[in-house]
């Protein structure tokens, strides 16, 4: 029987605590959540260099970081793709891509794929909003960046709505959406 009618498996992560992590930024420096004690939260996007759908969002990621970083909610992009399968996903490939797209945010390599597994990320792009509460980082949003990859001017930003509501002291009204794009190939199945 064909699997075309099978629905994707969704792992609910809202409310999960994110353990502090450190990863290598494509600029060669280490990035650590522990270094950001004064932030309110983060926009975290799993993305990559080769996925056509992820490529649609590069300018929007720069714009989101420019808007929200000054409000205490910077954007972090994490590349979880296996560079043994996709040559353009090496650290050198990430550096070239970040320069070409003029990234104004950290672009981290998750070479072990441990961080992507912690978030149960499935696609690129797959977006999360994590928020500080009582000294802990808690996932408050999981899913798509917005509802229109091809037409940014017509898109409704799920990330923007979530961050704006959290900044206003409200609960996120739509904490989960389905992300889509290129599947993350995890080593070991």
Foldseek 3Di string as FASTA:
>chain_A
DDCPPPDDDDDDQFFPFDDWDWFAFLVRDIDTPVVLPPAFWEKEWEAADPWPLLVLCLVVLQVVQVPCVVVRYHYEYEYAAACVVPVCRDSVNVNVSCVVSVRPHTYGYPNQSPNCVVVVPWAGTKIWMWGDDPNTTGTQATAAQWDDSPDVVPTDGLVVQCVVQVSVVHRRPCRYDHHDTHTHDHPPD
